[in-house]
Amino acid sequence: MKHLGTQSIRATRPSPAFTLIELLVVIAIISILAALLSPAVARAKAKANRIKCLNNLRQLQMSVQMYANDHGDQIPPRISGGANWISSLQAYYVSPALLVCPTDGFAAKRSYLINGFNDYFAVTLPPAEFEEFKKWEGSATMKLSSIPNPSDTIIFGEKFKESLHSHMDFYQGEGNDFQEVDQGKHRDSGGNRKSGGSNYAFADGSSRFLKYGTSMSPENLWAVTPQWRTSPPKSAGN
């Protein structure tokens, strides 16, 4: 009788494998780890979007500075359509991608509003010319040097994704600073917008993140005149 060698006996033994229960345990562990990591990944992505958005605003503010250097310190005139700030500044910001915050998604066309400085024109223009200004008529312009507190005066802010506005105008509706500016664009997933904040670019060339509501209280940082800057917040913003 022939005897099988040791090597032949070993070759006939089945190789070890996971049982169904062991596979289910591994899958369960992976699922738990994924659930634990998901919020951290979401927060990291949100923070990256916020930083990218802040950089966009910084570059748009730089484009205003360069435009003013080439146009006698004037900022782009407040007009609707035609040569508005989006087209007037394009030679300086170049890439249309800078107009979109990643938080809004890449299908969005524009995420930012420029300050219309209505309070300045309301004080400096004769009543008839200010009425023209409100109708997007006339040729009123403003110099950057006319801003008394450039480090605390907003040039650009973030709008609601669905908003079609290009300028922040105080006199429209309850005020675009409440109705069109998204003060809580960046917040934790599932959190209400009052728990978040938004990015802003300032007249001195800086840009920073402000918590919800602090762009308008205790001072309204969109305003340049004392009576508008210190006016109490409207109930619509609460």
C-alpha atoms as a PDB file:
ATOM      1  CA  MET A   1       0.000   0.000   0.000  1.00  0.00           C
ATOM      2  CA  LYS A   2       1.332   3.368  -0.938  1.00  0.00           C
ATOM      3  CA  HIS A   3       1.515   6.071   1.688  1.00  0.00           C
ATOM      4  CA  LEU A   4       0.858   9.696   0.806  1.00  0.00           C
ATOM      5  CA  GLY A   5       3.757  11.936   1.576  1.00  0.00           C
ATOM      6  CA  THR A   6       3.460  14.785   4.081  1.00  0.00           C
ATOM      7  CA  GLN A   7       3.474  17.334   1.269  1.00  0.00           C
ATOM      8  CA  SER A   8       0.590  15.573  -0.519  1.00  0.00           C
ATOM      9  CA  ILE A   9      -1.472  15.412   2.699  1.00  0.00           C
ATOM     10  CA  ARG A  10      -1.006  19.127   3.307  1.00  0.00           C
ATOM     11  CA  ALA A  11      -2.005  19.930  -0.267  1.00  0.00           C
ATOM     12  CA  THR A  12      -5.331  18.189   0.178  1.00  0.00           C
ATOM     13  CA  ARG A  13      -6.347  20.203   3.266  1.00  0.00           C
ATOM     14  CA  PRO A  14      -8.786  23.079   2.593  1.00  0.00           C
ATOM     15  CA  SER A  15      -7.341  26.597   2.964  1.00  0.00           C
ATOM     16  CA  PRO A  16      -8.709  28.633   5.875  1.00  0.00           C
ATOM     17  CA  ALA A  17     -11.485  31.157   4.990  1.00  0.00           C
ATOM     18  CA  PHE A  18     -13.739  33.689   6.729  1.00  0.00           C
ATOM     19  CA  THR A  19     -17.042  32.371   7.902  1.00  0.00           C
ATOM     20  CA  LEU A  20     -20.219  34.306   7.144  1.00  0.00           C
ATOM     21  CA  ILE A  21     -20.409  35.514  10.748  1.00  0.00           C
ATOM     22  CA  GLU A  22     -16.825  36.799  10.616  1.00  0.00           C
ATOM     23  CA  LEU A  23     -17.559  38.696   7.377  1.00  0.00           C
ATOM     24  CA  LEU A  24     -20.647  40.278   8.925  1.00  0.00           C
ATOM     25  CA  VAL A  25     -18.602  41.362  11.952  1.00  0.00           C
ATOM     26  CA  VAL A  26     -15.972  42.989   9.711  1.00  0.00           C
ATOM     27  CA  ILE A  27     -18.660  44.790   7.697  1.00  0.00           C
ATOM     28  CA  ALA A  28     -20.282  46.032  10.907  1.00  0.00           C
ATOM     29  CA  ILE A  29     -16.965  47.369  12.208  1.00  0.00           C
ATOM     30  CA  ILE A  30     -16.287  49.168   8.921  1.00  0.00           C
ATOM     31  CA  SER A  31     -19.774  50.699   9.010  1.00  0.00           C
ATOM     32  CA  ILE A  32     -19.260  51.954  12.566  1.00  0.00           C
ATOM     33  CA  LEU A  33     -15.888  53.473  11.675  1.00  0.00           C
ATOM     34  CA  ALA A  34     -17.377  55.160   8.600  1.00  0.00           C
ATOM     35  CA  ALA A  35     -20.208  56.607  10.713  1.00  0.00           C
ATOM     36  CA  LEU A  36     -17.696  57.956  13.229  1.00  0.00           C
ATOM     37  CA  LEU A  37     -15.478  59.486  10.565  1.00  0.00           C
ATOM     38  CA  SER A  38     -18.256  60.968   8.406  1.00  0.00           C
ATOM     39  CA  PRO A  39     -18.902  64.102  10.542  1.00  0.00           C
ATOM     40  CA  ALA A  40     -15.174  64.800  10.748  1.00  0.00           C
ATOM     41  CA  VAL A  41     -14.834  64.488   6.967  1.00  0.00           C
ATOM     42  CA  ALA A  42     -17.857  66.757   6.454  1.00  0.00           C
ATOM     43  CA  ARG A  43     -16.400  69.377   8.813  1.00  0.00           C
ATOM     44  CA  ALA A  44     -13.038  69.240   7.056  1.00  0.00           C
ATOM     45  CA  LYS A  45     -14.700  69.710   3.675  1.00  0.00           C
ATOM     46  CA  ALA A  46     -16.806  72.600   4.971  1.00  0.00           C
ATOM     47  CA  LYS A  47     -13.720  74.296   6.407  1.00  0.00           C
ATOM     48  CA  ALA A  48     -11.863  73.858   3.113  1.00  0.00           C
ATOM     49  CA  ASN A  49     -14.800  75.430   1.241  1.00  0.00           C
ATOM     50  CA  ARG A  50     -14.877  78.336   3.685  1.00  0.00           C
ATOM     51  CA  ILE A  51     -11.154  78.985   3.218  1.00  0.00           C
ATOM     52  CA  LYS A  52     -11.484  78.778  -0.573  1.00  0.00           C
ATOM     53  CA  CYS A  53     -14.379  81.217  -0.434  1.00  0.00           C
ATOM     54  CA  LEU A  54     -12.365  83.604   1.743  1.00  0.00           C
ATOM     55  CA  ASN A  55      -9.534  83.513  -0.780  1.00  0.00           C
ATOM     56  CA  ASN A  56     -11.995  84.294  -3.583  1.00  0.00           C
ATOM     57  CA  LEU A  57     -13.214  87.355  -1.706  1.00  0.00           C
ATOM     58  CA  ARG A  58      -9.663  88.475  -1.003  1.00  0.00           C
ATOM     59  CA  GLN A  59      -8.853  88.343  -4.712  1.00  0.00           C
ATOM     60  CA  LEU A  60     -12.059  90.172  -5.647  1.00  0.00           C
ATOM     61  CA  GLN A  61     -11.149  92.888  -3.154  1.00  0.00           C
ATOM     62  CA  MET A  62      -7.704  93.128  -4.748  1.00  0.00           C
ATOM     63  CA  SER A  63      -9.416  93.597  -8.110  1.00  0.00           C
ATOM     64  CA  VAL A  64     -11.356  96.568  -6.668  1.00  0.00           C
ATOM     65  CA  GLN A  65      -8.083  98.075  -5.433  1.00  0.00           C
ATOM     66  CA  MET A  66      -6.454  97.661  -8.852  1.00  0.00           C
ATOM     67  CA  TYR A  67      -9.529  99.053 -10.619  1.00  0.00           C
ATOM     68  CA  ALA A  68      -9.460 102.095  -8.307  1.00  0.00           C
ATOM     69  CA  ASN A  69      -5.749 102.615  -9.005  1.00  0.00           C
ATOM     70  CA  ASP A  70      -6.551 102.788 -12.725  1.00  0.00           C
ATOM     71  CA  HIS A  71      -9.691 104.946 -12.375  1.00  0.00           C
ATOM     72  CA  GLY A  72      -8.820 107.843 -10.103  1.00  0.00           C
ATOM     73  CA  ASP A  73      -9.627 105.971  -6.864  1.00  0.00           C
ATOM     74  CA  GLN A  74     -13.209 105.303  -8.034  1.00  0.00           C
ATOM     75  CA  ILE A  75     -14.938 102.009  -7.324  1.00  0.00           C
ATOM     76  CA  PRO A  76     -17.054 100.461 -10.129  1.00  0.00           C
ATOM     77  CA  PRO A  77     -20.292 102.432 -10.588  1.00  0.00           C
ATOM     78  CA  ARG A  78     -23.503 100.907  -9.285  1.00  0.00           C
ATOM     79  CA  ILE A  79     -25.400  99.968 -12.432  1.00  0.00           C
ATOM     80  CA  SER A  80     -27.605  97.023 -13.343  1.00  0.00           C
ATOM     81  CA  GLY A  81     -26.417  94.994 -16.309  1.00  0.00           C
ATOM     82  CA  GLY A  82     -23.924  96.362 -18.798  1.00  0.00           C
ATOM     83  CA  ALA A  83     -20.617  97.381 -17.263  1.00  0.00           C
ATOM     84  CA  ASN A  84     -21.490  96.479 -13.658  1.00  0.00           C
ATOM     85  CA  TRP A  85     -18.821  95.382 -11.187  1.00  0.00           C
ATOM     86  CA  ILE A  86     -18.800  91.815 -12.523  1.00  0.00           C
ATOM     87  CA  SER A  87     -17.711  92.918 -15.987  1.00  0.00           C
ATOM     88  CA  SER A  88     -15.792  96.035 -14.905  1.00  0.00           C
ATOM     89  CA  LEU A  89     -13.501  94.012 -12.639  1.00  0.00           C
ATOM     90  CA  GLN A  90     -13.071  90.959 -14.858  1.00  0.00           C
ATOM     91  CA  ALA A  91      -9.800  92.211 -16.319  1.00  0.00           C
ATOM     92  CA  TYR A  92      -8.414  92.122 -12.764  1.00  0.00           C
ATOM     93  CA  TYR A  93      -9.870  88.924 -11.292  1.00  0.00           C
ATOM     94  CA  VAL A  94      -9.698  87.134 -14.705  1.00  0.00           C
ATOM     95  CA  SER A  95     -11.178  83.742 -13.755  1.00  0.00           C
ATOM     96  CA  PRO A  96     -15.010  83.569 -13.481  1.00  0.00           C
ATOM     97  CA  ALA A  97     -14.491  80.708 -10.998  1.00  0.00           C
ATOM     98  CA  LEU A  98     -13.619  83.339  -8.378  1.00  0.00           C
ATOM     99  CA  LEU A  99     -17.244  84.474  -8.411  1.00  0.00           C
ATOM    100  CA  VAL A 100     -18.467  81.167  -6.961  1.00  0.00           C
ATOM    101  CA  CYS A 101     -18.090  79.887  -3.408  1.00  0.00           C
ATOM    102  CA  PRO A 102     -17.644  76.070  -3.387  1.00  0.00           C
ATOM    103  CA  THR A 103     -20.328  75.867  -0.683  1.00  0.00           C
ATOM    104  CA  ASP A 104     -22.881  76.925  -3.315  1.00  0.00           C
ATOM    105  CA  GLY A 105     -21.772  74.143  -5.680  1.00  0.00           C
ATOM    106  CA  PHE A 106     -20.030  74.513  -8.998  1.00  0.00           C
ATOM    107  CA  ALA A 107     -23.328  74.966 -10.872  1.00  0.00           C
ATOM    108  CA  ALA A 108     -23.814  78.361  -9.166  1.00  0.00           C
ATOM    109  CA  LYS A 109     -22.999  81.430 -11.240  1.00  0.00           C
ATOM    110  CA  ARG A 110     -22.168  83.950  -8.514  1.00  0.00           C
ATOM    111  CA  SER A 111     -21.964  83.902  -4.731  1.00  0.00           C
ATOM    112  CA  TYR A 112     -21.104  87.490  -3.801  1.00  0.00           C
ATOM    113  CA  LEU A 113     -22.602  90.973  -3.469  1.00  0.00           C
ATOM    114  CA  ILE A 114     -20.681  94.232  -3.670  1.00  0.00           C
ATOM    115  CA  ASN A 115     -21.572  97.116  -1.391  1.00  0.00           C
ATOM    116  CA  GLY A 116     -23.828  99.640  -3.150  1.00  0.00           C
ATOM    117  CA  PHE A 117     -22.968 102.328  -0.521  1.00  0.00           C
ATOM    118  CA  ASN A 118     -26.515 103.718  -0.643  1.00  0.00           C
ATOM    119  CA  ASP A 119     -26.084 105.605   2.617  1.00  0.00           C
ATOM    120  CA  TYR A 120     -23.138 107.545   1.158  1.00  0.00           C
ATOM    121  CA  PHE A 121     -25.089 108.561  -1.933  1.00  0.00           C
ATOM    122  CA  ALA A 122     -28.199 109.379   0.107  1.00  0.00           C
ATOM    123  CA  VAL A 123     -26.138 111.937   2.031  1.00  0.00           C
ATOM    124  CA  THR A 124     -23.949 113.327  -0.776  1.00  0.00           C
ATOM    125  CA  LEU A 125     -26.370 113.481  -3.744  1.00  0.00           C
ATOM    126  CA  PRO A 126     -29.164 116.007  -4.199  1.00  0.00           C
ATOM    127  CA  PRO A 127     -32.599 114.349  -3.746  1.00  0.00           C
ATOM    128  CA  ALA A 128     -33.357 114.275  -7.490  1.00  0.00           C
ATOM    129  CA  GLU A 129     -30.019 112.657  -8.307  1.00  0.00           C
ATOM    130  CA  PHE A 130     -30.460 110.124  -5.518  1.00  0.00           C
ATOM    131  CA  GLU A 131     -33.821 109.125  -7.039  1.00  0.00           C
ATOM    132  CA  GLU A 132     -31.979 108.537 -10.330  1.00  0.00           C
ATOM    133  CA  PHE A 133     -29.394 106.516  -8.457  1.00  0.00           C
ATOM    134  CA  LYS A 134     -32.093 104.278  -6.969  1.00  0.00           C
ATOM    135  CA  LYS A 135     -33.395 103.611 -10.484  1.00  0.00           C
ATOM    136  CA  TRP A 136     -29.918 102.565 -11.667  1.00  0.00           C
ATOM    137  CA  GLU A 137     -29.644 105.832 -13.589  1.00  0.00           C
ATOM    138  CA  GLY A 138     -27.214 108.734 -13.416  1.00  0.00           C
ATOM    139  CA  SER A 139     -23.435 108.604 -13.172  1.00  0.00           C
ATOM    140  CA  ALA A 140     -22.764 108.816  -9.437  1.00  0.00           C
ATOM    141  CA  THR A 141     -19.454 107.306  -8.351  1.00  0.00           C
ATOM    142  CA  MET A 142     -17.590 106.940  -5.078  1.00  0.00           C
ATOM    143  CA  LYS A 143     -13.913 106.931  -4.157  1.00  0.00           C
ATOM    144  CA  LEU A 144     -12.314 104.339  -1.907  1.00  0.00           C
ATOM    145  CA  SER A 145     -10.789 107.197   0.070  1.00  0.00           C
ATOM    146  CA  SER A 146     -14.339 108.328   0.967  1.00  0.00           C
ATOM    147  CA  ILE A 147     -14.657 105.351   3.316  1.00  0.00           C
ATOM    148  CA  PRO A 148     -13.821 106.584   6.839  1.00  0.00           C
ATOM    149  CA  ASN A 149     -13.252 103.154   8.465  1.00  0.00           C
ATOM    150  CA  PRO A 150     -11.802 100.957   5.695  1.00  0.00           C
ATOM    151  CA  SER A 151     -10.703  98.138   8.015  1.00  0.00           C
ATOM    152  CA  ASP A 152     -14.292  97.747   9.269  1.00  0.00           C
ATOM    153  CA  THR A 153     -16.290  98.569   6.144  1.00  0.00           C
ATOM    154  CA  ILE A 154     -17.471  95.705   3.948  1.00  0.00           C
ATOM    155  CA  ILE A 155     -16.906  95.789   0.196  1.00  0.00           C
ATOM    156  CA  PHE A 156     -18.004  92.225  -0.595  1.00  0.00           C
ATOM    157  CA  GLY A 157     -20.228  89.750   1.234  1.00  0.00           C
ATOM    158  CA  GLU A 158     -21.829  86.384   0.522  1.00  0.00           C
ATOM    159  CA  LYS A 159     -25.378  86.275  -0.814  1.00  0.00           C
ATOM    160  CA  PHE A 160     -28.037  83.599  -0.605  1.00  0.00           C
ATOM    161  CA  LYS A 161     -27.484  81.067  -3.376  1.00  0.00           C
ATOM    162  CA  GLU A 162     -30.852  81.818  -5.012  1.00  0.00           C
ATOM    163  CA  SER A 163     -30.450  85.617  -4.872  1.00  0.00           C
ATOM    164  CA  LEU A 164     -30.078  87.393  -8.222  1.00  0.00           C
ATOM    165  CA  HIS A 165     -28.813  90.649  -6.694  1.00  0.00           C
ATOM    166  CA  SER A 166     -25.425  92.093  -7.547  1.00  0.00           C
ATOM    167  CA  HIS A 167     -25.340  94.904  -4.955  1.00  0.00           C
ATOM    168  CA  MET A 168     -26.172  95.274  -1.289  1.00  0.00           C
ATOM    169  CA  ASP A 169     -28.767  98.074  -1.207  1.00  0.00           C
ATOM    170  CA  PHE A 170     -30.137  99.352   2.099  1.00  0.00           C
ATOM    171  CA  TYR A 171     -33.349 100.824   0.714  1.00  0.00           C
ATOM    172  CA  GLN A 172     -34.706  97.766  -1.128  1.00  0.00           C
ATOM    173  CA  GLY A 173     -37.397  95.912   0.818  1.00  0.00           C
ATOM    174  CA  GLU A 174     -36.269  95.320   4.404  1.00  0.00           C
ATOM    175  CA  GLY A 175     -32.724  96.013   3.259  1.00  0.00           C
ATOM    176  CA  ASN A 176     -30.489  93.704   1.262  1.00  0.00           C
ATOM    177  CA  ASP A 177     -28.181  93.404   4.258  1.00  0.00           C
ATOM    178  CA  PHE A 178     -30.941  91.256   5.792  1.00  0.00           C
ATOM    179  CA  GLN A 179     -32.773  89.827   2.802  1.00  0.00           C
ATOM    180  CA  GLU A 180     -30.000  89.052   0.316  1.00  0.00           C
ATOM    181  CA  VAL A 181     -26.814  88.649   2.380  1.00  0.00           C
ATOM    182  CA  ASP A 182     -26.431  85.136   3.780  1.00  0.00           C
ATOM    183  CA  GLN A 183     -24.961  85.741   7.225  1.00  0.00           C
ATOM    184  CA  GLY A 184     -24.808  81.995   7.963  1.00  0.00           C
ATOM    185  CA  LYS A 185     -23.419  80.581   4.726  1.00  0.00           C
ATOM    186  CA  HIS A 186     -20.844  78.462   6.545  1.00  0.00           C
ATOM    187  CA  ARG A 187     -22.080  76.295   9.413  1.00  0.00           C
ATOM    188  CA  ASP A 188     -22.026  72.715  10.628  1.00  0.00           C
ATOM    189  CA  SER A 189     -24.151  70.260   8.671  1.00  0.00           C
ATOM    190  CA  GLY A 190     -27.679  70.273  10.032  1.00  0.00           C
ATOM    191  CA  GLY A 191     -27.135  73.419  12.096  1.00  0.00           C
ATOM    192  CA  ASN A 192     -29.372  76.459  11.686  1.00  0.00           C
ATOM    193  CA  ARG A 193     -27.841  79.426   9.917  1.00  0.00           C
ATOM    194  CA  LYS A 194     -27.608  81.482  13.118  1.00  0.00           C
ATOM    195  CA  SER A 195     -25.053  78.984  14.371  1.00  0.00           C
ATOM    196  CA  GLY A 196     -22.706  79.767  11.502  1.00  0.00           C
ATOM    197  CA  GLY A 197     -21.176  82.788   9.843  1.00  0.00           C
ATOM    198  CA  SER A 198     -19.936  84.179   6.535  1.00  0.00           C
ATOM    199  CA  ASN A 199     -16.881  85.627   4.854  1.00  0.00           C
ATOM    200  CA  TYR A 200     -16.473  89.313   4.053  1.00  0.00           C
ATOM    201  CA  ALA A 201     -13.911  91.449   2.238  1.00  0.00           C
ATOM    202  CA  PHE A 202     -13.127  94.905   3.622  1.00  0.00           C
ATOM    203  CA  ALA A 203     -12.158  98.224   2.090  1.00  0.00           C
ATOM    204  CA  ASP A 204      -8.609  98.067   3.479  1.00  0.00           C
ATOM    205  CA  GLY A 205      -7.899  94.904   1.479  1.00  0.00           C
ATOM    206  CA  SER A 206      -8.436  92.432   4.334  1.00  0.00           C
ATOM    207  CA  SER A 207     -10.976  89.608   4.434  1.00  0.00           C
ATOM    208  CA  ARG A 208     -12.276  87.637   7.380  1.00  0.00           C
ATOM    209  CA  PHE A 209     -14.973  85.335   8.728  1.00  0.00           C
ATOM    210  CA  LEU A 210     -17.677  86.901  10.912  1.00  0.00           C
ATOM    211  CA  LYS A 211     -20.212  85.041  13.039  1.00  0.00           C
ATOM    212  CA  TYR A 212     -23.904  85.400  12.239  1.00  0.00           C
ATOM    213  CA  GLY A 213     -25.225  88.892  12.975  1.00  0.00           C
ATOM    214  CA  THR A 214     -21.903  90.536  13.804  1.00  0.00           C
ATOM    215  CA  SER A 215     -21.627  92.250  10.404  1.00  0.00           C
ATOM    216  CA  MET A 216     -24.605  94.410  11.416  1.00  0.00           C
ATOM    217  CA  SER A 217     -24.429  94.671  15.201  1.00  0.00           C
ATOM    218  CA  PRO A 218     -23.289  96.527  17.242  1.00  0.00           C
ATOM    219  CA  GLU A 219     -22.340  98.450  14.077  1.00  0.00           C
ATOM    220  CA  ASN A 220     -23.564  97.902  10.533  1.00  0.00           C
ATOM    221  CA  LEU A 221     -20.291  97.281   8.703  1.00  0.00           C
ATOM    222  CA  TRP A 222     -21.945  97.835   5.316  1.00  0.00           C
ATOM    223  CA  ALA A 223     -22.510 101.535   6.128  1.00  0.00           C
ATOM    224  CA  VAL A 224     -20.143 104.504   5.943  1.00  0.00           C
ATOM    225  CA  THR A 225     -22.322 107.272   7.421  1.00  0.00           C
ATOM    226  CA  PRO A 226     -22.815 107.560  11.209  1.00  0.00           C
ATOM    227  CA  GLN A 227     -26.622 107.532  11.084  1.00  0.00           C
ATOM    228  CA  TRP A 228     -26.703 104.261   9.129  1.00  0.00           C
ATOM    229  CA  ARG A 229     -23.730 102.644  10.805  1.00  0.00           C
ATOM    230  CA  THR A 230     -25.208 102.855  14.289  1.00  0.00           C
ATOM    231  CA  SER A 231     -28.869 102.333  13.434  1.00  0.00           C
ATOM    232  CA  PRO A 232     -30.416  99.447  15.424  1.00  0.00           C
ATOM    233  CA  PRO A 233     -30.860  96.106  13.607  1.00  0.00           C
ATOM    234  CA  LYS A 234     -34.271  95.496  12.060  1.00  0.00           C
ATOM    235  CA  SER A 235     -36.500  92.702  13.308  1.00  0.00           C
ATOM    236  CA  ALA A 236     -36.227  91.051   9.882  1.00  0.00           C
ATOM    237  CA  GLY A 237     -32.657  90.123  10.706  1.00  0.00           C
ATOM    238  CA  ASN A 238     -33.453  88.442  14.006  1.00  0.00           C
END
